PDB file of N, CA and C in Angstrom:
ATOM      1  N   MET A   1     -19.216   2.023  -1.960  1.00  0.00           N
ATOM      2  CA  MET A   1     -19.185   3.120  -3.005  1.00  0.00           C
ATOM      3  C   MET A   1     -18.757   2.446  -4.284  1.00  0.00           C
ATOM      4  N   THR A   2     -19.476   2.565  -5.339  1.00  0.00           N
ATOM      5  CA  THR A   2     -19.370   2.056  -6.575  1.00  0.00           C
ATOM      6  C   THR A   2     -19.275   3.115  -7.724  1.00  0.00           C
ATOM      7  N   GLN A   3     -18.237   3.028  -8.502  1.00  0.00           N
ATOM      8  CA  GLN A   3     -18.090   3.993  -9.541  1.00  0.00           C
ATOM      9  C   GLN A   3     -17.591   3.215 -10.760  1.00  0.00           C
ATOM     10  N   GLU A   4     -17.947   3.760 -11.919  1.00  0.00           N
ATOM     11  CA  GLU A   4     -17.405   3.057 -13.222  1.00  0.00           C
ATOM     12  C   GLU A   4     -16.333   3.882 -13.786  1.00  0.00           C
ATOM     13  N   VAL A   5     -15.282   3.188 -14.316  1.00  0.00           N
ATOM     14  CA  VAL A   5     -14.174   3.844 -14.925  1.00  0.00           C
ATOM     15  C   VAL A   5     -13.927   3.270 -16.247  1.00  0.00           C
ATOM     16  N   VAL A   6     -13.158   3.824 -17.041  1.00  0.00           N
ATOM     17  CA  VAL A   6     -12.814   3.371 -18.462  1.00  0.00           C
ATOM     18  C   VAL A   6     -11.366   2.935 -18.474  1.00  0.00           C
ATOM     19  N   VAL A   7     -11.060   1.822 -19.136  1.00  0.00           N
ATOM     20  CA  VAL A   7      -9.706   1.460 -19.278  1.00  0.00           C
ATOM     21  C   VAL A   7      -9.189   1.963 -20.656  1.00  0.00           C
ATOM     22  N   THR A   8      -8.092   2.450 -20.662  1.00  0.00           N
ATOM     23  CA  THR A   8      -7.506   2.991 -21.921  1.00  0.00           C
ATOM     24  C   THR A   8      -6.800   1.862 -22.744  1.00  0.00           C
ATOM     25  N   ARG A   9      -6.469   2.086 -23.927  1.00  0.00           N
ATOM     26  CA  ARG A   9      -5.947   1.120 -24.830  1.00  0.00           C
ATOM     27  C   ARG A   9      -4.601   0.612 -24.175  1.00  0.00           C
ATOM     28  N   ARG A  10      -3.939   1.368 -23.432  1.00  0.00           N
ATOM     29  CA  ARG A  10      -2.712   0.866 -22.771  1.00  0.00           C
ATOM     30  C   ARG A  10      -2.939   0.129 -21.471  1.00  0.00           C
ATOM     31  N   GLY A  11      -4.215  -0.099 -21.064  1.00  0.00           N
ATOM     32  CA  GLY A  11      -4.539  -0.811 -19.905  1.00  0.00           C
ATOM     33  C   GLY A  11      -4.700  -0.021 -18.653  1.00  0.00           C
ATOM     34  N   GLN A  12      -4.585   1.327 -18.773  1.00  0.00           N
ATOM     35  CA  GLN A  12      -4.597   2.290 -17.634  1.00  0.00           C
ATOM     36  C   GLN A  12      -6.052   2.682 -17.293  1.00  0.00           C
ATOM     37  N   THR A  13      -6.202   3.052 -16.071  1.00  0.00           N
ATOM     38  CA  THR A  13      -7.443   3.677 -15.673  1.00  0.00           C
ATOM     39  C   THR A  13      -7.220   4.570 -14.527  1.00  0.00           C
ATOM     40  N   THR A  14      -8.154   5.418 -14.168  1.00  0.00           N
ATOM     41  CA  THR A  14      -7.958   6.430 -13.027  1.00  0.00           C
ATOM     42  C   THR A  14      -8.892   5.998 -11.902  1.00  0.00           C
ATOM     43  N   ILE A  15      -8.312   6.007 -10.680  1.00  0.00           N
ATOM     44  CA  ILE A  15      -9.043   5.730  -9.505  1.00  0.00           C
ATOM     45  C   ILE A  15      -9.768   7.027  -9.096  1.00  0.00           C
ATOM     46  N   PRO A  16     -11.061   6.998  -9.042  1.00  0.00           N
ATOM     47  CA  PRO A  16     -11.816   8.271  -8.757  1.00  0.00           C
ATOM     48  C   PRO A  16     -11.313   8.960  -7.455  1.00  0.00           C
ATOM     49  N   THR A  17     -11.311  10.302  -7.501  1.00  0.00           N
ATOM     50  CA  THR A  17     -10.941  11.087  -6.316  1.00  0.00           C
ATOM     51  C   THR A  17     -11.689  10.730  -5.025  1.00  0.00           C
ATOM     52  N   LYS A  18     -12.882  10.493  -5.032  1.00  0.00           N
ATOM     53  CA  LYS A  18     -13.600  10.088  -3.810  1.00  0.00           C
ATOM     54  C   LYS A  18     -13.075   8.803  -3.244  1.00  0.00           C
ATOM     55  N   VAL A  19     -12.754   7.820  -4.109  1.00  0.00           N
ATOM     56  CA  VAL A  19     -12.232   6.592  -3.645  1.00  0.00           C
ATOM     57  C   VAL A  19     -10.778   6.826  -3.179  1.00  0.00           C
ATOM     58  N   ARG A  20      -9.949   7.596  -3.782  1.00  0.00           N
ATOM     59  CA  ARG A  20      -8.496   7.773  -3.359  1.00  0.00           C
ATOM     60  C   ARG A  20      -8.494   8.473  -2.051  1.00  0.00           C
ATOM     61  N   ARG A  21      -9.391   9.369  -1.892  1.00  0.00           N
ATOM     62  CA  ARG A  21      -9.512  10.170  -0.498  1.00  0.00           C
ATOM     63  C   ARG A  21      -9.956   9.295   0.481  1.00  0.00           C
ATOM     64  N   LYS A  22     -11.016   8.430   0.304  1.00  0.00           N
ATOM     65  CA  LYS A  22     -11.438   7.523   1.321  1.00  0.00           C
ATOM     66  C   LYS A  22     -10.469   6.534   1.762  1.00  0.00           C
ATOM     67  N   LEU A  23      -9.634   5.986   0.866  1.00  0.00           N
ATOM     68  CA  LEU A  23      -8.641   5.008   1.086  1.00  0.00           C
ATOM     69  C   LEU A  23      -7.297   5.566   1.463  1.00  0.00           C
ATOM     70  N   GLY A  24      -7.124   6.816   1.319  1.00  0.00           N
ATOM     71  CA  GLY A  24      -5.788   7.496   1.577  1.00  0.00           C
ATOM     72  C   GLY A  24      -4.796   7.185   0.431  1.00  0.00           C
ATOM     73  N   ILE A  25      -5.185   6.882  -0.705  1.00  0.00           N
ATOM     74  CA  ILE A  25      -4.317   6.681  -1.957  1.00  0.00           C
ATOM     75  C   ILE A  25      -3.863   7.956  -2.495  1.00  0.00           C
ATOM     76  N   GLN A  26      -2.448   8.089  -2.412  1.00  0.00           N
ATOM     77  CA  GLN A  26      -1.749   9.362  -2.896  1.00  0.00           C
ATOM     78  C   GLN A  26      -0.768   8.980  -4.023  1.00  0.00           C
ATOM     79  N   GLU A  27      -0.253   9.842  -4.701  1.00  0.00           N
ATOM     80  CA  GLU A  27       0.833   9.610  -5.598  1.00  0.00           C
ATOM     81  C   GLU A  27       1.970   8.829  -4.911  1.00  0.00           C
ATOM     82  N   GLY A  28       2.350   7.804  -5.510  1.00  0.00           N
ATOM     83  CA  GLY A  28       3.428   6.945  -4.923  1.00  0.00           C
ATOM     84  C   GLY A  28       2.964   5.752  -4.080  1.00  0.00           C
ATOM     85  N   THR A  29       1.665   5.719  -3.749  1.00  0.00           N
ATOM     86  CA  THR A  29       1.075   4.628  -2.951  1.00  0.00           C
ATOM     87  C   THR A  29       1.145   3.400  -3.835  1.00  0.00           C
ATOM     88  N   ARG A  30       1.708   2.235  -3.232  1.00  0.00           N
ATOM     89  CA  ARG A  30       1.785   1.068  -3.925  1.00  0.00           C
ATOM     90  C   ARG A  30       0.503   0.262  -3.755  1.00  0.00           C
ATOM     91  N   LEU A  31       0.049  -0.348  -4.766  1.00  0.00           N
ATOM     92  CA  LEU A  31      -1.270  -1.219  -4.758  1.00  0.00           C
ATOM     93  C   LEU A  31      -0.896  -2.670  -5.283  1.00  0.00           C
ATOM     94  N   ARG A  32      -1.506  -3.648  -4.661  1.00  0.00           N
ATOM     95  CA  ARG A  32      -1.332  -5.013  -5.148  1.00  0.00           C
ATOM     96  C   ARG A  32      -2.572  -5.256  -5.981  1.00  0.00           C
ATOM     97  N   VAL A  33      -2.337  -5.805  -7.088  1.00  0.00           N
ATOM     98  CA  VAL A  33      -3.393  -6.182  -8.126  1.00  0.00           C
ATOM     99  C   VAL A  33      -3.649  -7.755  -8.135  1.00  0.00           C
ATOM    100  N   GLU A  34      -4.912  -8.172  -7.940  1.00  0.00           N
ATOM    101  CA  GLU A  34      -5.169  -9.587  -7.982  1.00  0.00           C
ATOM    102  C   GLU A  34      -6.388  -9.741  -8.962  1.00  0.00           C
ATOM    103  N   ALA A  35      -6.427 -10.813  -9.550  1.00  0.00           N
ATOM    104  CA  ALA A  35      -7.618 -11.243 -10.458  1.00  0.00           C
ATOM    105  C   ALA A  35      -8.251 -12.423  -9.659  1.00  0.00           C
ATOM    106  N   GLU A  36      -9.584 -12.206  -9.432  1.00  0.00           N
ATOM    107  CA  GLU A  36     -10.238 -13.313  -8.654  1.00  0.00           C
ATOM    108  C   GLU A  36     -11.703 -13.368  -9.151  1.00  0.00           C
ATOM    109  N   GLY A  37     -12.109 -14.454  -9.737  1.00  0.00           N
ATOM    110  CA  GLY A  37     -13.467 -14.690 -10.125  1.00  0.00           C
ATOM    111  C   GLY A  37     -14.015 -13.689 -10.966  1.00  0.00           C
ATOM    112  N   GLY A  38     -13.274 -13.144 -11.980  1.00  0.00           N
ATOM    113  CA  GLY A  38     -13.839 -12.064 -12.834  1.00  0.00           C
ATOM    114  C   GLY A  38     -13.708 -10.787 -12.256  1.00  0.00           C
ATOM    115  N   ARG A  39     -13.161 -10.551 -11.187  1.00  0.00           N
ATOM    116  CA  ARG A  39     -12.861  -9.258 -10.532  1.00  0.00           C
ATOM    117  C   ARG A  39     -11.411  -8.895 -10.585  1.00  0.00           C
ATOM    118  N   VAL A  40     -11.160  -7.546 -10.654  1.00  0.00           N
ATOM    119  CA  VAL A  40      -9.886  -7.088 -10.332  1.00  0.00           C
ATOM    120  C   VAL A  40      -9.914  -6.349  -8.960  1.00  0.00           C
ATOM    121  N   ILE A  41      -8.956  -6.854  -8.098  1.00  0.00           N
ATOM    122  CA  ILE A  41      -8.970  -6.350  -6.770  1.00  0.00           C
ATOM    123  C   ILE A  41      -7.631  -5.568  -6.493  1.00  0.00           C
ATOM    124  N   PHE A  42      -7.822  -4.318  -6.130  1.00  0.00           N
ATOM    125  CA  PHE A  42      -6.559  -3.577  -5.691  1.00  0.00           C
ATOM    126  C   PHE A  42      -6.490  -3.425  -4.175  1.00  0.00           C
ATOM    127  N   THR A  43      -5.295  -3.769  -3.725  1.00  0.00           N
ATOM    128  CA  THR A  43      -5.252  -3.691  -2.288  1.00  0.00           C
ATOM    129  C   THR A  43      -4.066  -2.814  -1.934  1.00  0.00           C
ATOM    130  N   LYS A  44      -4.233  -1.852  -1.031  1.00  0.00           N
ATOM    131  CA  LYS A  44      -3.200  -0.880  -0.681  1.00  0.00           C
ATOM    132  C   LYS A  44      -2.058  -1.642   0.107  1.00  0.00           C
ATOM    133  N   VAL A  45      -0.875  -1.490  -0.326  1.00  0.00           N
ATOM    134  CA  VAL A  45       0.415  -2.093   0.335  1.00  0.00           C
ATOM    135  C   VAL A  45       0.855  -1.186   1.397  1.00  0.00           C
ATOM    136  N   PRO A  46       0.869  -1.526   2.568  1.00  0.00           N
ATOM    137  CA  PRO A  46       1.262  -0.617   3.645  1.00  0.00           C
ATOM    138  C   PRO A  46       2.757  -0.258   3.502  1.00  0.00           C
ATOM    139  N   SER A  47       3.033   1.035   3.685  1.00  0.00           N
ATOM    140  CA  SER A  47       4.417   1.539   3.570  1.00  0.00           C
ATOM    141  C   SER A  47       4.958   1.466   5.002  1.00  0.00           C
ATOM    142  N   LEU A  48       6.173   1.770   5.195  1.00  0.00           N
ATOM    143  CA  LEU A  48       6.841   1.969   6.422  1.00  0.00           C
ATOM    144  C   LEU A  48       6.196   2.881   7.363  1.00  0.00           C
ATOM    145  N   PHE A  49       5.726   4.072   6.682  1.00  0.00           N
ATOM    146  CA  PHE A  49       5.074   5.115   7.485  1.00  0.00           C
ATOM    147  C   PHE A  49       3.684   4.671   8.016  1.00  0.00           C
ATOM    148  N   ASP A  50       2.987   3.873   7.242  1.00  0.00           N
ATOM    149  CA  ASP A  50       1.735   3.236   7.585  1.00  0.00           C
ATOM    150  C   ASP A  50       1.947   2.351   8.898  1.00  0.00           C
ATOM    151  N   LEU A  51       3.143   1.587   8.938  1.00  0.00           N
ATOM    152  CA  LEU A  51       3.341   0.792  10.012  1.00  0.00           C
ATOM    153  C   LEU A  51       3.968   1.321  11.248  1.00  0.00           C
ATOM    154  N   ALA A  52       4.384   2.597  11.117  1.00  0.00           N
ATOM    155  CA  ALA A  52       5.049   3.315  12.139  1.00  0.00           C
ATOM    156  C   ALA A  52       4.183   3.225  13.412  1.00  0.00           C
ATOM    157  N   GLY A  53       4.689   2.912  14.592  1.00  0.00           N
ATOM    158  CA  GLY A  53       3.945   2.937  15.875  1.00  0.00           C
ATOM    159  C   GLY A  53       3.162   1.624  16.011  1.00  0.00           C
ATOM    160  N   THR A  54       3.184   0.677  15.133  1.00  0.00           N
ATOM    161  CA  THR A  54       2.293  -0.614  15.414  1.00  0.00           C
ATOM    162  C   THR A  54       3.132  -1.595  16.087  1.00  0.00           C
ATOM    163  N   SER A  55       4.416  -1.409  16.324  1.00  0.00           N
ATOM    164  CA  SER A  55       5.182  -2.384  16.900  1.00  0.00           C
ATOM    165  C   SER A  55       5.169  -2.290  18.517  1.00  0.00           C
ATOM    166  N   LYS A  56       5.305  -3.447  19.110  1.00  0.00           N
ATOM    167  CA  LYS A  56       5.371  -3.323  20.579  1.00  0.00           C
ATOM    168  C   LYS A  56       6.747  -3.117  21.010  1.00  0.00           C
ATOM    169  N   LEU A  57       7.759  -2.902  20.129  1.00  0.00           N
ATOM    170  CA  LEU A  57       9.110  -2.609  20.472  1.00  0.00           C
ATOM    171  C   LEU A  57       9.239  -1.254  20.811  1.00  0.00           C
ATOM    172  N   SER A  58      10.219  -0.855  21.726  1.00  0.00           N
ATOM    173  CA  SER A  58      10.512   0.563  21.894  1.00  0.00           C
ATOM    174  C   SER A  58      11.399   1.004  20.620  1.00  0.00           C
ATOM    175  N   ARG A  59      11.566   2.300  20.606  1.00  0.00           N
ATOM    176  CA  ARG A  59      12.382   2.779  19.438  1.00  0.00           C
ATOM    177  C   ARG A  59      13.887   2.264  19.504  1.00  0.00           C
ATOM    178  N   ASP A  60      14.333   2.132  20.735  1.00  0.00           N
ATOM    179  CA  ASP A  60      15.695   1.716  20.944  1.00  0.00           C
ATOM    180  C   ASP A  60      15.844   0.205  20.671  1.00  0.00           C
ATOM    181  N   GLU A  61      14.954  -0.549  21.081  1.00  0.00           N
ATOM    182  CA  GLU A  61      14.836  -1.939  20.749  1.00  0.00           C
ATOM    183  C   GLU A  61      14.728  -2.141  19.175  1.00  0.00           C
ATOM    184  N   ALA A  62      14.007  -1.366  18.500  1.00  0.00           N
ATOM    185  CA  ALA A  62      13.837  -1.502  17.031  1.00  0.00           C
ATOM    186  C   ALA A  62      15.172  -1.362  16.390  1.00  0.00           C
ATOM    187  N   PHE A  63      15.885  -0.151  16.850  1.00  0.00           N
ATOM    188  CA  PHE A  63      17.234   0.172  16.188  1.00  0.00           C
ATOM    189  C   PHE A  63      18.208  -0.866  16.657  1.00  0.00           C
ATOM    190  N   GLU A  64      18.229  -1.500  17.711  1.00  0.00           N
ATOM    191  CA  GLU A  64      19.150  -2.567  18.070  1.00  0.00           C
ATOM    192  C   GLU A  64      18.943  -3.660  17.235  1.00  0.00           C
ATOM    193  N   ARG A  65      17.755  -4.152  16.937  1.00  0.00           N
ATOM    194  CA  ARG A  65      17.426  -5.288  16.028  1.00  0.00           C
ATOM    195  C   ARG A  65      17.854  -4.933  14.613  1.00  0.00           C
ATOM    196  N   LEU A  66      17.594  -3.812  14.112  1.00  0.00           N
ATOM    197  CA  LEU A  66      18.083  -3.358  12.835  1.00  0.00           C
ATOM    198  C   LEU A  66      19.552  -3.467  12.695  1.00  0.00           C
ATOM    199  N   ASP A  67      20.276  -2.926  13.719  1.00  0.00           N
ATOM    200  CA  ASP A  67      21.680  -2.997  13.766  1.00  0.00           C
ATOM    201  C   ASP A  67      22.286  -4.444  13.630  1.00  0.00           C
ATOM    202  N   ALA A  68      21.578  -5.290  14.476  1.00  0.00           N
ATOM    203  CA  ALA A  68      21.949  -6.762  14.468  1.00  0.00           C
ATOM    204  C   ALA A  68      21.779  -7.342  13.115  1.00  0.00           C
ATOM    205  N   MET A  69      20.600  -6.909  12.442  1.00  0.00           N
ATOM    206  CA  MET A  69      20.261  -7.500  11.047  1.00  0.00           C
ATOM    207  C   MET A  69      21.470  -7.059  10.105  1.00  0.00           C
ATOM    208  N   ARG A  70      21.849  -5.832  10.197  1.00  0.00           N
ATOM    209  CA  ARG A  70      22.877  -5.201   9.345  1.00  0.00           C
ATOM    210  C   ARG A  70      24.260  -5.981   9.503  1.00  0.00           C
ATOM    211  N   GLU A  71      24.454  -6.377  10.739  1.00  0.00           N
ATOM    212  CA  GLU A  71      25.774  -7.034  11.069  1.00  0.00           C
ATOM    213  C   GLU A  71      25.695  -8.485  10.483  1.00  0.00           C
ATOM    214  N   GLU A  72      24.571  -9.067  10.323  1.00  0.00           N
ATOM    215  CA  GLU A  72      24.433 -10.410   9.851  1.00  0.00           C
ATOM    216  C   GLU A  72      24.789 -10.439   8.231  1.00  0.00           C
ATOM    217  N   GLU A  73      24.686  -9.376   7.579  1.00  0.00           N
ATOM    218  CA  GLU A  73      24.788  -9.277   6.150  1.00  0.00           C
ATOM    219  C   GLU A  73      26.282  -9.476   5.770  1.00  0.00           C
TER     220      GLU A  73
END
């Protein structure tokens, strides 16, 4: 999917609706910006909600590890 956008004098642009929907980009979504070979690359930064359920730890094991990390501080 290719679309053309315009950059404002403040360096801002709008990500087209179709692209936002396809990639699940919503208000508050964090994006990483890279410049590579004349390209600007935006990569969606996964949030904690995106990562939920991807661990092999059980809920209780995850909370135990978090508690241990807090005690180390």
